[in-house]
Amino acid sequence: MDSELDLSEFCCLNKDCPNYGKKGKGNIRVKERYGSKNRALLRCNTCTHCFSETRCTIFFGLKTPDEEVLRTLAMIPEKGSIRGTARATGYDKDTICRWLDIAGAHCQEVTDYFFQELELGQVQIDEIWSYIKKRKKT
C-alpha cells in the first residue's frame, strides 16, 4: 500500500513513548491517508500516538505543493527580492515570507532538497540562506 514511504525514517513524536525519537524500530505504521495531498497519518504501535508524515517539516499544514514551495524559495536570489519573486510566481509576498520563516526552522532538510532534487550548486544555496539570514535580522 505505501511502498513509496520509508517508515524506517520516522520516529514517534510522543515524548512519553519509550520509542520517542528512535528511528527504525518498526513501531511506525500508516494508519490512513488524508487530505488533498493524500498525506499519511502515521501511528506508533508502542503508544498509539498519531501524527502526520509532514509533522516537524517545512510542509506541515501547507496546501501548496511541496516542490512549488521550494522552487519559489529557490527563486528569491535570482529575482533579488521577495516582491520580485511574488510578481514572478503569483504568490502573495506575505505567503513567501511565511515560507521563508518556516524554511529557516528546517534549513538542513531544505538545503538537502535544493542540492539533490533541484540540482542547485553550493553558491546558489548559499545565496538563498544568506538572503534568509538577512531577512531574519530585519
Foldseek 3Di string as FASTA:
>chain_A
DPPVDDQQVDWDCDPVFPGHPPGRPPQKDFPAFDDPVRWTWIAGNRPRDTDTPCPPHLCPPDPDDPVVLLVLLLCCVVLVHLVSSCVVSVNDSVVNLVSLVSCVSVVVVSLVCCCPPVVDDPVSSVSSVVVSVVVVVD
